[in-house]
């Protein structure tokens, strides 16, 4: 009887340990997904998308049901906005010659100059 209790305790410990590890792995994946989303979308839009997904899960009792619409629109109205379309000559070569961080710095400086010109 004592050995059975020890075996059951070990099994329970192993099961609990697996659950904790799985939970930590899921939390890490969730953080990675959120960071990826925030790296490509503004915070406001990513939060709206996240809330919409949570609401859809609640409506369907936590079952994942595909969204039948093509996509949801996350629109925010802005006043006094100009849109500039630009073709950066030599961009492909520039992108291949720079590290991603250097490319972001160059593009940030370039678009900053466009902003300065637009304010003048």
PDB file of N, CA and C in Angstrom:
ATOM      1  N   UNK A   1       0.831  -1.202   0.000  1.00  0.00           N
ATOM      2  CA  UNK A   1       0.000   0.000   0.000  1.00  0.00           C
ATOM      3  C   UNK A   1       0.869   1.257   0.000  1.00  0.00           C
ATOM      4  N   UNK A   2       1.948   1.226   0.794  1.00  0.00           N
ATOM      5  CA  UNK A   2       2.851   2.368   0.890  1.00  0.00           C
ATOM      6  C   UNK A   2       3.528   2.639  -0.458  1.00  0.00           C
ATOM      7  N   UNK A   3       3.929   1.595  -1.170  1.00  0.00           N
ATOM      8  CA  UNK A   3       4.577   1.746  -2.477  1.00  0.00           C
ATOM      9  C   UNK A   3       3.610   2.319  -3.504  1.00  0.00           C
ATOM     10  N   UNK A   4       2.351   1.909  -3.403  1.00  0.00           N
ATOM     11  CA  UNK A   4       1.342   2.445  -4.324  1.00  0.00           C
ATOM     12  C   UNK A   4       1.156   3.945  -4.101  1.00  0.00           C
ATOM     13  N   UNK A   5       1.171   4.356  -2.844  1.00  0.00           N
ATOM     14  CA  UNK A   5       1.040   5.778  -2.521  1.00  0.00           C
ATOM     15  C   UNK A   5       2.243   6.564  -3.050  1.00  0.00           C
ATOM     16  N   UNK A   6       3.435   6.007  -2.893  1.00  0.00           N
ATOM     17  CA  UNK A   6       4.638   6.665  -3.400  1.00  0.00           C
ATOM     18  C   UNK A   6       4.599   6.772  -4.921  1.00  0.00           C
ATOM     19  N   UNK A   7       4.186   5.700  -5.589  1.00  0.00           N
ATOM     20  CA  UNK A   7       4.073   5.722  -7.051  1.00  0.00           C
ATOM     21  C   UNK A   7       3.046   6.756  -7.497  1.00  0.00           C
ATOM     22  N   UNK A   8       1.925   6.807  -6.815  1.00  0.00           N
ATOM     23  CA  UNK A   8       0.875   7.771  -7.155  1.00  0.00           C
ATOM     24  C   UNK A   8       1.378   9.196  -6.933  1.00  0.00           C
ATOM     25  N   UNK A   9       2.128   9.401  -5.845  1.00  0.00           N
ATOM     26  CA  UNK A   9       2.682  10.733  -5.555  1.00  0.00           C
ATOM     27  C   UNK A   9       3.681  11.150  -6.628  1.00  0.00           C
ATOM     28  N   UNK A  10       4.535  10.205  -7.048  1.00  0.00           N
ATOM     29  CA  UNK A  10       5.505  10.503  -8.112  1.00  0.00           C
ATOM     30  C   UNK A  10       4.799  10.838  -9.427  1.00  0.00           C
ATOM     31  N   UNK A  11       3.781  10.044  -9.734  1.00  0.00           N
ATOM     32  CA  UNK A  11       3.025  10.287 -10.971  1.00  0.00           C
ATOM     33  C   UNK A  11       2.358  11.664 -10.937  1.00  0.00           C
ATOM     34  N   UNK A  12       1.786  11.995  -9.788  1.00  0.00           N
ATOM     35  CA  UNK A  12       1.140  13.296  -9.645  1.00  0.00           C
ATOM     36  C   UNK A  12       2.158  14.420  -9.763  1.00  0.00           C
ATOM     37  N   UNK A  13       3.324  14.239  -9.167  1.00  0.00           N
ATOM     38  CA  UNK A  13       4.390  15.235  -9.259  1.00  0.00           C
ATOM     39  C   UNK A  13       4.827  15.434 -10.711  1.00  0.00           C
ATOM     40  N   UNK A  14       5.056  14.337 -11.422  1.00  0.00           N
ATOM     41  CA  UNK A  14       5.470  14.423 -12.829  1.00  0.00           C
ATOM     42  C   UNK A  14       4.397  15.104 -13.680  1.00  0.00           C
ATOM     43  N   UNK A  15       3.146  14.738 -13.430  1.00  0.00           N
ATOM     44  CA  UNK A  15       2.039  15.343 -14.178  1.00  0.00           C
ATOM     45  C   UNK A  15       1.973  16.850 -13.906  1.00  0.00           C
ATOM     46  N   UNK A  16       2.101  17.226 -12.641  1.00  0.00           N
ATOM     47  CA  UNK A  16       2.064  18.644 -12.272  1.00  0.00           C
ATOM     48  C   UNK A  16       3.229  19.394 -12.910  1.00  0.00           C
ATOM     49  N   UNK A  17       4.399  18.789 -12.898  1.00  0.00           N
ATOM     50  CA  UNK A  17       5.576  19.403 -13.502  1.00  0.00           C
ATOM     51  C   UNK A  17       5.365  19.598 -15.008  1.00  0.00           C
ATOM     52  N   UNK A  18       4.808  18.583 -15.686  1.00  0.00           N
ATOM     53  CA  UNK A  18       4.520  18.714 -17.126  1.00  0.00           C
ATOM     54  C   UNK A  18       3.521  19.838 -17.378  1.00  0.00           C
ATOM     55  N   UNK A  19       2.504  19.938 -16.550  1.00  0.00           N
ATOM     56  CA  UNK A  19       1.505  21.006 -16.698  1.00  0.00           C
ATOM     57  C   UNK A  19       2.125  22.384 -16.530  1.00  0.00           C
ATOM     58  N   UNK A  20       2.980  22.525 -15.533  1.00  0.00           N
ATOM     59  CA  UNK A  20       3.648  23.816 -15.292  1.00  0.00           C
ATOM     60  C   UNK A  20       4.545  24.169 -16.469  1.00  0.00           C
ATOM     61  N   UNK A  21       5.313  23.192 -16.967  1.00  0.00           N
ATOM     62  CA  UNK A  21       6.183  23.454 -18.123  1.00  0.00           C
ATOM     63  C   UNK A  21       5.374  23.835 -19.352  1.00  0.00           C
ATOM     64  N   UNK A  22       4.261  23.148 -19.579  1.00  0.00           N
ATOM     65  CA  UNK A  22       3.408  23.457 -20.721  1.00  0.00           C
ATOM     66  C   UNK A  22       2.827  24.866 -20.579  1.00  0.00           C
ATOM     67  N   UNK A  23       2.408  25.213 -19.386  1.00  0.00           N
ATOM     68  CA  UNK A  23       1.854  26.550 -19.134  1.00  0.00           C
ATOM     69  C   UNK A  23       2.914  27.626 -19.408  1.00  0.00           C
ATOM     70  N   UNK A  24       4.142  27.384 -18.961  1.00  0.00           N
ATOM     71  CA  UNK A  24       5.224  28.342 -19.194  1.00  0.00           C
ATOM     72  C   UNK A  24       5.508  28.469 -20.690  1.00  0.00           C
ATOM     73  N   UNK A  25       5.484  27.357 -21.398  1.00  0.00           N
ATOM     74  CA  UNK A  25       5.722  27.373 -22.841  1.00  0.00           C
ATOM     75  C   UNK A  25       4.613  28.152 -23.558  1.00  0.00           C
ATOM     76  N   UNK A  26       3.369  27.927 -23.142  1.00  0.00           N
ATOM     77  CA  UNK A  26       2.246  28.658 -23.741  1.00  0.00           C
ATOM     78  C   UNK A  26       2.334  30.154 -23.469  1.00  0.00           C
ATOM     79  N   UNK A  27       2.710  30.512 -22.247  1.00  0.00           N
ATOM     80  CA  UNK A  27       2.870  31.926 -21.899  1.00  0.00           C
ATOM     81  C   UNK A  27       3.966  32.568 -22.745  1.00  0.00           C
ATOM     82  N   UNK A  28       5.065  31.846 -22.957  1.00  0.00           N
ATOM     83  CA  UNK A  28       6.159  32.346 -23.779  1.00  0.00           C
ATOM     84  C   UNK A  28       5.693  32.536 -25.225  1.00  0.00           C
ATOM     85  N   UNK A  29       4.960  31.568 -25.759  1.00  0.00           N
ATOM     86  CA  UNK A  29       4.439  31.688 -27.122  1.00  0.00           C
ATOM     87  C   UNK A  29       3.459  32.853 -27.235  1.00  0.00           C
ATOM     88  N   UNK A  30       2.651  33.047 -26.214  1.00  0.00           N
ATOM     89  CA  UNK A  30       1.696  34.164 -26.204  1.00  0.00           C
ATOM     90  C   UNK A  30       2.440  35.496 -26.240  1.00  0.00           C
ATOM     91  N   UNK A  31       3.498  35.602 -25.435  1.00  0.00           N
ATOM     92  CA  UNK A  31       4.314  36.822 -25.420  1.00  0.00           C
ATOM     93  C   UNK A  31       4.945  37.069 -26.789  1.00  0.00           C
ATOM     94  N   UNK A  32       5.457  36.010 -27.405  1.00  0.00           N
ATOM     95  CA  UNK A  32       6.065  36.140 -28.730  1.00  0.00           C
ATOM     96  C   UNK A  32       5.040  36.603 -29.767  1.00  0.00           C
ATOM     97  N   UNK A  33       3.835  36.040 -29.716  1.00  0.00           N
ATOM     98  CA  UNK A  33       2.785  36.434 -30.655  1.00  0.00           C
ATOM     99  C   UNK A  33       2.397  37.897 -30.459  1.00  0.00           C
ATOM    100  N   UNK A  34       2.257  38.309 -29.209  1.00  0.00           N
ATOM    101  CA  UNK A  34       1.895  39.700 -28.942  1.00  0.00           C
ATOM    102  C   UNK A  34       3.003  40.649 -29.387  1.00  0.00           C
ATOM    103  N   UNK A  35       4.246  40.283 -29.148  1.00  0.00           N
ATOM    104  CA  UNK A  35       5.362  41.126 -29.591  1.00  0.00           C
ATOM    105  C   UNK A  35       5.403  41.227 -31.110  1.00  0.00           C
ATOM    106  N   UNK A  36       5.141  40.118 -31.795  1.00  0.00           N
ATOM    107  CA  UNK A  36       5.102  40.138 -33.256  1.00  0.00           C
ATOM    108  C   UNK A  36       3.984  41.044 -33.742  1.00  0.00           C
ATOM    109  N   UNK A  37       2.800  40.906 -33.151  1.00  0.00           N
ATOM    110  CA  UNK A  37       1.670  41.744 -33.537  1.00  0.00           C
ATOM    111  C   UNK A  37       1.991  43.217 -33.304  1.00  0.00           C
ATOM    112  N   UNK A  38       2.580  43.535 -32.158  1.00  0.00           N
ATOM    113  CA  UNK A  38       2.912  44.927 -31.843  1.00  0.00           C
ATOM    114  C   UNK A  38       4.046  45.464 -32.707  1.00  0.00           C
ATOM    115  N   UNK A  39       4.839  44.575 -33.297  1.00  0.00           N
ATOM    116  CA  UNK A  39       5.926  45.055 -34.151  1.00  0.00           C
ATOM    117  C   UNK A  39       5.434  45.473 -35.529  1.00  0.00           C
ATOM    118  N   UNK A  40       4.220  45.047 -35.906  1.00  0.00           N
ATOM    119  CA  UNK A  40       3.722  45.384 -37.246  1.00  0.00           C
ATOM    120  C   UNK A  40       2.462  46.242 -37.226  1.00  0.00           C
ATOM    121  N   UNK A  41       1.817  46.363 -36.067  1.00  0.00           N
ATOM    122  CA  UNK A  41       0.586  47.140 -35.984  1.00  0.00           C
ATOM    123  C   UNK A  41       0.658  48.134 -34.828  1.00  0.00           C
ATOM    124  N   UNK A  42      -0.041  49.258 -34.976  1.00  0.00           N
ATOM    125  CA  UNK A  42      -0.131  50.177 -33.834  1.00  0.00           C
ATOM    126  C   UNK A  42      -0.825  49.501 -32.648  1.00  0.00           C
ATOM    127  N   UNK A  43      -0.490  49.928 -31.446  1.00  0.00           N
ATOM    128  CA  UNK A  43      -1.036  49.329 -30.227  1.00  0.00           C
ATOM    129  C   UNK A  43      -2.563  49.346 -30.242  1.00  0.00           C
ATOM    130  N   UNK A  44      -3.143  50.474 -30.650  1.00  0.00           N
ATOM    131  CA  UNK A  44      -4.610  50.599 -30.649  1.00  0.00           C
ATOM    132  C   UNK A  44      -5.258  49.529 -31.513  1.00  0.00           C
ATOM    133  N   UNK A  45      -4.711  49.305 -32.685  1.00  0.00           N
ATOM    134  CA  UNK A  45      -5.295  48.328 -33.605  1.00  0.00           C
ATOM    135  C   UNK A  45      -5.084  46.907 -33.076  1.00  0.00           C
ATOM    136  N   UNK A  46      -3.898  46.614 -32.578  1.00  0.00           N
ATOM    137  CA  UNK A  46      -3.655  45.263 -32.063  1.00  0.00           C
ATOM    138  C   UNK A  46      -4.562  44.969 -30.867  1.00  0.00           C
ATOM    139  N   UNK A  47      -4.811  45.973 -30.014  1.00  0.00           N
ATOM    140  CA  UNK A  47      -5.713  45.773 -28.873  1.00  0.00           C
ATOM    141  C   UNK A  47      -7.148  45.550 -29.347  1.00  0.00           C
ATOM    142  N   UNK A  48      -7.587  46.309 -30.359  1.00  0.00           N
ATOM    143  CA  UNK A  48      -8.935  46.102 -30.905  1.00  0.00           C
ATOM    144  C   UNK A  48      -9.082  44.698 -31.472  1.00  0.00           C
ATOM    145  N   UNK A  49      -8.061  44.239 -32.189  1.00  0.00           N
ATOM    146  CA  UNK A  49      -8.103  42.896 -32.757  1.00  0.00           C
ATOM    147  C   UNK A  49      -8.158  41.847 -31.652  1.00  0.00           C
ATOM    148  N   UNK A  50      -7.344  42.024 -30.639  1.00  0.00           N
ATOM    149  CA  UNK A  50      -7.307  41.078 -29.526  1.00  0.00           C
ATOM    150  C   UNK A  50      -8.665  41.022 -28.818  1.00  0.00           C
ATOM    151  N   UNK A  51      -9.259  42.181 -28.562  1.00  0.00           N
ATOM    152  CA  UNK A  51     -10.570  42.225 -27.909  1.00  0.00           C
ATOM    153  C   UNK A  51     -11.649  41.580 -28.780  1.00  0.00           C
ATOM    154  N   UNK A  52     -11.569  41.802 -30.095  1.00  0.00           N
ATOM    155  CA  UNK A  52     -12.540  41.193 -31.009  1.00  0.00           C
ATOM    156  C   UNK A  52     -12.426  39.672 -30.982  1.00  0.00           C
ATOM    157  N   UNK A  53     -11.212  39.165 -30.933  1.00  0.00           N
ATOM    158  CA  UNK A  53     -11.007  37.710 -30.873  1.00  0.00           C
ATOM    159  C   UNK A  53     -11.544  37.154 -29.556  1.00  0.00           C
ATOM    160  N   UNK A  54     -11.276  37.847 -28.454  1.00  0.00           N
ATOM    161  CA  UNK A  54     -11.769  37.407 -27.147  1.00  0.00           C
ATOM    162  C   UNK A  54     -13.294  37.381 -27.139  1.00  0.00           C
ATOM    163  N   UNK A  55     -13.917  38.419 -27.683  1.00  0.00           N
ATOM    164  CA  UNK A  55     -15.387  38.467 -27.739  1.00  0.00           C
ATOM    165  C   UNK A  55     -15.938  37.316 -28.577  1.00  0.00           C
ATOM    166  N   UNK A  56     -15.289  37.052 -29.715  1.00  0.00           N
ATOM    167  CA  UNK A  56     -15.752  35.963 -30.579  1.00  0.00           C
ATOM    168  C   UNK A  56     -15.624  34.618 -29.859  1.00  0.00           C
ATOM    169  N   UNK A  57     -14.564  34.437 -29.089  1.00  0.00           N
ATOM    170  CA  UNK A  57     -14.408  33.201 -28.313  1.00  0.00           C
ATOM    171  C   UNK A  57     -15.492  33.079 -27.251  1.00  0.00           C
ATOM    172  N   UNK A  58     -15.803  34.198 -26.578  1.00  0.00           N
ATOM    173  CA  UNK A  58     -16.859  34.174 -25.562  1.00  0.00           C
ATOM    174  C   UNK A  58     -18.204  33.812 -26.174  1.00  0.00           C
ATOM    175  N   UNK A  59     -18.492  34.394 -27.344  1.00  0.00           N
ATOM    176  CA  UNK A  59     -19.761  34.128 -28.016  1.00  0.00           C
ATOM    177  C   UNK A  59     -19.891  32.668 -28.441  1.00  0.00           C
ATOM    178  N   UNK A  60     -18.760  32.011 -28.666  1.00  0.00           N
ATOM    179  CA  UNK A  60     -18.767  30.628 -29.151  1.00  0.00           C
ATOM    180  C   UNK A  60     -18.258  29.644 -28.101  1.00  0.00           C
ATOM    181  N   UNK A  61     -18.410  30.010 -26.821  1.00  0.00           N
ATOM    182  CA  UNK A  61     -18.021  29.138 -25.702  1.00  0.00           C
ATOM    183  C   UNK A  61     -16.588  28.633 -25.826  1.00  0.00           C
ATOM    184  N   UNK A  62     -15.674  29.544 -26.095  1.00  0.00           N
ATOM    185  CA  UNK A  62     -14.236  29.263 -26.189  1.00  0.00           C
ATOM    186  C   UNK A  62     -13.863  28.325 -27.334  1.00  0.00           C
ATOM    187  N   UNK A  63     -14.769  28.124 -28.283  1.00  0.00           N
ATOM    188  CA  UNK A  63     -14.438  27.335 -29.472  1.00  0.00           C
ATOM    189  C   UNK A  63     -13.955  28.289 -30.548  1.00  0.00           C
ATOM    190  N   UNK A  64     -12.925  27.888 -31.258  1.00  0.00           N
ATOM    191  CA  UNK A  64     -12.404  28.716 -32.343  1.00  0.00           C
ATOM    192  C   UNK A  64     -13.290  28.508 -33.560  1.00  0.00           C
ATOM    193  N   UNK A  65     -13.962  29.578 -33.958  1.00  0.00           N
ATOM    194  CA  UNK A  65     -14.835  29.541 -35.128  1.00  0.00           C
ATOM    195  C   UNK A  65     -14.274  30.523 -36.136  1.00  0.00           C
ATOM    196  N   UNK A  66     -14.044  30.077 -37.381  1.00  0.00           N
ATOM    197  CA  UNK A  66     -13.474  31.003 -38.369  1.00  0.00           C
ATOM    198  C   UNK A  66     -14.381  32.206 -38.596  1.00  0.00           C
ATOM    199  N   UNK A  67     -13.747  33.351 -38.760  1.00  0.00           N
ATOM    200  CA  UNK A  67     -14.475  34.579 -39.056  1.00  0.00           C
ATOM    201  C   UNK A  67     -14.875  34.521 -40.523  1.00  0.00           C
ATOM    202  N   UNK A  68     -16.175  34.567 -40.800  1.00  0.00           N
ATOM    203  CA  UNK A  68     -16.659  34.407 -42.168  1.00  0.00           C
ATOM    204  C   UNK A  68     -16.477  35.662 -43.019  1.00  0.00           C
ATOM    205  N   UNK A  69     -16.301  36.794 -42.377  1.00  0.00           N
ATOM    206  CA  UNK A  69     -16.070  38.009 -43.154  1.00  0.00           C
ATOM    207  C   UNK A  69     -14.629  38.017 -43.644  1.00  0.00           C
ATOM    208  N   UNK A  70     -14.383  38.759 -44.710  1.00  0.00           N
ATOM    209  CA  UNK A  70     -13.032  38.810 -45.272  1.00  0.00           C
ATOM    210  C   UNK A  70     -12.060  39.333 -44.231  1.00  0.00           C
ATOM    211  N   UNK A  71     -12.378  40.423 -43.618  1.00  0.00           N
ATOM    212  CA  UNK A  71     -11.578  40.974 -42.526  1.00  0.00           C
ATOM    213  C   UNK A  71     -12.386  42.067 -41.850  1.00  0.00           C
ATOM    214  N   UNK A  72     -12.003  42.382 -40.649  1.00  0.00           N
ATOM    215  CA  UNK A  72     -12.624  43.495 -39.944  1.00  0.00           C
ATOM    216  C   UNK A  72     -11.814  44.746 -40.227  1.00  0.00           C
ATOM    217  N   UNK A  73     -12.496  45.854 -40.267  1.00  0.00           N
ATOM    218  CA  UNK A  73     -11.809  47.122 -40.490  1.00  0.00           C
ATOM    219  C   UNK A  73     -11.576  47.801 -39.144  1.00  0.00           C
ATOM    220  N   UNK A  74     -10.372  48.256 -38.947  1.00  0.00           N
ATOM    221  CA  UNK A  74     -10.017  48.992 -37.742  1.00  0.00           C
ATOM    222  C   UNK A  74      -9.638  50.390 -38.204  1.00  0.00           C
ATOM    223  N   UNK A  75     -10.624  51.267 -38.200  1.00  0.00           N
ATOM    224  CA  UNK A  75     -10.460  52.586 -38.803  1.00  0.00           C
ATOM    225  C   UNK A  75     -10.412  53.644 -37.712  1.00  0.00           C
ATOM    226  N   UNK A  76      -9.526  54.594 -37.899  1.00  0.00           N
ATOM    227  CA  UNK A  76      -9.478  55.763 -37.033  1.00  0.00           C
ATOM    228  C   UNK A  76      -9.399  56.979 -37.943  1.00  0.00           C
ATOM    229  N   UNK A  77     -10.248  57.936 -37.701  1.00  0.00           N
ATOM    230  CA  UNK A  77     -10.291  59.137 -38.518  1.00  0.00           C
ATOM    231  C   UNK A  77      -9.185  60.107 -38.108  1.00  0.00           C
ATOM    232  N   UNK A  78      -8.529  60.686 -39.110  1.00  0.00           N
ATOM    233  CA  UNK A  78      -7.496  61.689 -38.869  1.00  0.00           C
ATOM    234  C   UNK A  78      -7.837  62.923 -39.697  1.00  0.00           C
ATOM    235  N   UNK A  79      -7.501  64.084 -39.178  1.00  0.00           N
ATOM    236  CA  UNK A  79      -7.707  65.316 -39.922  1.00  0.00           C
ATOM    237  C   UNK A  79      -6.364  65.858 -40.381  1.00  0.00           C
ATOM    238  N   UNK A  80      -6.391  66.645 -41.448  1.00  0.00           N
ATOM    239  CA  UNK A  80      -5.181  67.280 -41.982  1.00  0.00           C
ATOM    240  C   UNK A  80      -4.065  66.268 -42.260  1.00  0.00           C
ATOM    241  N   UNK A  81      -4.382  65.262 -43.049  1.00  0.00           N
ATOM    242  CA  UNK A  81      -3.430  64.209 -43.363  1.00  0.00           C
ATOM    243  C   UNK A  81      -3.075  64.253 -44.840  1.00  0.00           C
ATOM    244  N   UNK A  82      -1.816  64.070 -45.110  1.00  0.00           N
ATOM    245  CA  UNK A  82      -1.357  63.930 -46.497  1.00  0.00           C
ATOM    246  C   UNK A  82      -0.737  62.558 -46.647  1.00  0.00           C
ATOM    247  N   UNK A  83      -0.868  62.009 -47.810  1.00  0.00           N
ATOM    248  CA  UNK A  83      -0.264  60.711 -48.089  1.00  0.00           C
ATOM    249  C   UNK A  83       0.768  60.905 -49.187  1.00  0.00           C
ATOM    250  N   UNK A  84       1.952  60.420 -48.940  1.00  0.00           N
ATOM    251  CA  UNK A  84       3.034  60.531 -49.906  1.00  0.00           C
ATOM    252  C   UNK A  84       3.374  59.137 -50.413  1.00  0.00           C
ATOM    253  N   UNK A  85       3.326  58.981 -51.718  1.00  0.00           N
ATOM    254  CA  UNK A  85       3.763  57.734 -52.336  1.00  0.00           C
ATOM    255  C   UNK A  85       5.141  57.996 -52.919  1.00  0.00           C
ATOM    256  N   UNK A  86       6.089  57.158 -52.564  1.00  0.00           N
ATOM    257  CA  UNK A  86       7.453  57.375 -53.034  1.00  0.00           C
ATOM    258  C   UNK A  86       8.082  56.048 -53.447  1.00  0.00           C
ATOM    259  N   UNK A  87       8.832  56.114 -54.526  1.00  0.00           N
ATOM    260  CA  UNK A  87       9.619  54.960 -54.952  1.00  0.00           C
ATOM    261  C   UNK A  87      11.066  55.286 -54.631  1.00  0.00           C
ATOM    262  N   UNK A  88      11.658  54.544 -53.744  1.00  0.00           N
ATOM    263  CA  UNK A  88      13.026  54.810 -53.327  1.00  0.00           C
ATOM    264  C   UNK A  88      13.954  54.089 -54.304  1.00  0.00           C
ATOM    265  N   UNK A  89      14.597  54.866 -55.149  1.00  0.00           N
ATOM    266  CA  UNK A  89      15.497  54.304 -56.159  1.00  0.00           C
ATOM    267  C   UNK A  89      16.669  53.624 -55.454  1.00  0.00           C
ATOM    268  N   UNK A  90      16.941  52.388 -55.827  1.00  0.00           N
ATOM    269  CA  UNK A  90      18.049  51.645 -55.240  1.00  0.00           C
ATOM    270  C   UNK A  90      17.730  51.022 -53.889  1.00  0.00           C
ATOM    271  N   UNK A  91      16.448  50.948 -53.555  1.00  0.00           N
ATOM    272  CA  UNK A  91      16.068  50.430 -52.235  1.00  0.00           C
ATOM    273  C   UNK A  91      16.495  48.971 -52.044  1.00  0.00           C
ATOM    274  N   UNK A  92      16.319  48.155 -53.061  1.00  0.00           N
ATOM    275  CA  UNK A  92      16.674  46.739 -52.938  1.00  0.00           C
ATOM    276  C   UNK A  92      18.154  46.583 -52.613  1.00  0.00           C
ATOM    277  N   UNK A  93      18.976  47.334 -53.313  1.00  0.00           N
ATOM    278  CA  UNK A  93      20.422  47.268 -53.047  1.00  0.00           C
ATOM    279  C   UNK A  93      20.727  47.795 -51.643  1.00  0.00           C
ATOM    280  N   UNK A  94      20.092  48.934 -51.281  1.00  0.00           N
ATOM    281  CA  UNK A  94      20.286  49.504 -49.950  1.00  0.00           C
ATOM    282  C   UNK A  94      19.904  48.483 -48.878  1.00  0.00           C
ATOM    283  N   UNK A  95      18.773  47.840 -49.071  1.00  0.00           N
ATOM    284  CA  UNK A  95      18.298  46.859 -48.086  1.00  0.00           C
ATOM    285  C   UNK A  95      19.244  45.677 -47.976  1.00  0.00           C
ATOM    286  N   UNK A  96      19.871  45.281 -49.073  1.00  0.00           N
ATOM    287  CA  UNK A  96      20.778  44.136 -49.013  1.00  0.00           C
ATOM    288  C   UNK A  96      22.148  44.523 -48.454  1.00  0.00           C
ATOM    289  N   UNK A  97      22.501  45.814 -48.517  1.00  0.00           N
ATOM    290  CA  UNK A  97      23.797  46.267 -48.012  1.00  0.00           C
ATOM    291  C   UNK A  97      23.777  46.654 -46.530  1.00  0.00           C
ATOM    292  N   UNK A  98      22.592  46.803 -45.953  1.00  0.00           N
ATOM    293  CA  UNK A  98      22.457  47.257 -44.560  1.00  0.00           C
ATOM    294  C   UNK A  98      21.944  46.127 -43.674  1.00  0.00           C
ATOM    295  N   UNK A  99      22.199  46.273 -42.399  1.00  0.00           N
ATOM    296  CA  UNK A  99      21.538  45.397 -41.434  1.00  0.00           C
ATOM    297  C   UNK A  99      20.102  45.915 -41.290  1.00  0.00           C
ATOM    298  N   UNK A 100      19.189  45.100 -40.809  1.00  0.00           N
ATOM    299  CA  UNK A 100      17.815  45.584 -40.618  1.00  0.00           C
ATOM    300  C   UNK A 100      17.749  46.843 -39.749  1.00  0.00           C
ATOM    301  N   UNK A 101      18.554  46.883 -38.702  1.00  0.00           N
ATOM    302  CA  UNK A 101      18.549  48.046 -37.807  1.00  0.00           C
ATOM    303  C   UNK A 101      19.028  49.298 -38.543  1.00  0.00           C
ATOM    304  N   UNK A 102      20.102  49.169 -39.336  1.00  0.00           N
ATOM    305  CA  UNK A 102      20.610  50.302 -40.104  1.00  0.00           C
ATOM    306  C   UNK A 102      19.572  50.781 -41.120  1.00  0.00           C
ATOM    307  N   UNK A 103      18.882  49.833 -41.751  1.00  0.00           N
ATOM    308  CA  UNK A 103      17.857  50.188 -42.736  1.00  0.00           C
ATOM    309  C   UNK A 103      16.718  50.965 -42.084  1.00  0.00           C
ATOM    310  N   UNK A 104      16.306  50.541 -40.905  1.00  0.00           N
ATOM    311  CA  UNK A 104      15.241  51.257 -40.188  1.00  0.00           C
ATOM    312  C   UNK A 104      15.685  52.675 -39.863  1.00  0.00           C
ATOM    313  N   UNK A 105      16.930  52.842 -39.442  1.00  0.00           N
ATOM    314  CA  UNK A 105      17.453  54.180 -39.134  1.00  0.00           C
ATOM    315  C   UNK A 105      17.430  55.054 -40.384  1.00  0.00           C
ATOM    316  N   UNK A 106      17.911  54.516 -41.507  1.00  0.00           N
ATOM    317  CA  UNK A 106      17.931  55.277 -42.767  1.00  0.00           C
ATOM    318  C   UNK A 106      16.516  55.668 -43.178  1.00  0.00           C
ATOM    319  N   UNK A 107      15.585  54.713 -43.130  1.00  0.00           N
ATOM    320  CA  UNK A 107      14.201  55.008 -43.521  1.00  0.00           C
ATOM    321  C   UNK A 107      13.556  56.016 -42.571  1.00  0.00           C
ATOM    322  N   UNK A 108      13.849  55.899 -41.290  1.00  0.00           N
ATOM    323  CA  UNK A 108      13.307  56.843 -40.319  1.00  0.00           C
ATOM    324  C   UNK A 108      13.799  58.258 -40.614  1.00  0.00           C
ATOM    325  N   UNK A 109      15.085  58.378 -40.927  1.00  0.00           N
ATOM    326  CA  UNK A 109      15.636  59.696 -41.276  1.00  0.00           C
ATOM    327  C   UNK A 109      14.990  60.235 -42.553  1.00  0.00           C
ATOM    328  N   UNK A 110      14.835  59.368 -43.543  1.00  0.00           N
ATOM    329  CA  UNK A 110      14.233  59.779 -44.808  1.00  0.00           C
ATOM    330  C   UNK A 110      12.800  60.265 -44.606  1.00  0.00           C
ATOM    331  N   UNK A 111      11.998  59.477 -43.897  1.00  0.00           N
ATOM    332  CA  UNK A 111      10.606  59.877 -43.678  1.00  0.00           C
ATOM    333  C   UNK A 111      10.515  61.091 -42.768  1.00  0.00           C
ATOM    334  N   UNK A 112      11.485  61.242 -41.859  1.00  0.00           N
ATOM    335  CA  UNK A 112      11.545  62.456 -41.046  1.00  0.00           C
ATOM    336  C   UNK A 112      11.746  63.694 -41.908  1.00  0.00           C
ATOM    337  N   UNK A 113      12.601  63.560 -42.956  1.00  0.00           N
ATOM    338  CA  UNK A 113      12.813  64.674 -43.892  1.00  0.00           C
ATOM    339  C   UNK A 113      11.525  64.976 -44.662  1.00  0.00           C
ATOM    340  N   UNK A 114      10.811  63.926 -45.078  1.00  0.00           N
ATOM    341  CA  UNK A 114       9.523  64.141 -45.756  1.00  0.00           C
ATOM    342  C   UNK A 114       8.561  64.896 -44.842  1.00  0.00           C
ATOM    343  N   UNK A 115       8.541  64.528 -43.554  1.00  0.00           N
ATOM    344  CA  UNK A 115       7.677  65.232 -42.592  1.00  0.00           C
ATOM    345  C   UNK A 115       8.063  66.710 -42.488  1.00  0.00           C
ATOM    346  N   UNK A 116       9.371  66.987 -42.437  1.00  0.00           N
ATOM    347  CA  UNK A 116       9.843  68.380 -42.346  1.00  0.00           C
ATOM    348  C   UNK A 116       9.405  69.184 -43.580  1.00  0.00           C
ATOM    349  N   UNK A 117       9.547  68.571 -44.740  1.00  0.00           N
ATOM    350  CA  UNK A 117       9.137  69.247 -45.995  1.00  0.00           C
ATOM    351  C   UNK A 117       7.632  69.498 -45.964  1.00  0.00           C
ATOM    352  N   UNK A 118       6.860  68.518 -45.474  1.00  0.00           N
ATOM    353  CA  UNK A 118       5.406  68.665 -45.433  1.00  0.00           C
ATOM    354  C   UNK A 118       4.954  69.755 -44.481  1.00  0.00           C
ATOM    355  N   UNK A 119       5.725  70.010 -43.424  1.00  0.00           N
ATOM    356  CA  UNK A 119       5.356  71.061 -42.465  1.00  0.00           C
ATOM    357  C   UNK A 119       5.705  72.457 -42.969  1.00  0.00           C
ATOM    358  N   UNK A 120       6.623  72.525 -43.925  1.00  0.00           N
ATOM    359  CA  UNK A 120       7.091  73.838 -44.413  1.00  0.00           C
ATOM    360  C   UNK A 120       6.050  74.530 -45.255  1.00  0.00           C
TER     361      UNK A 120
END
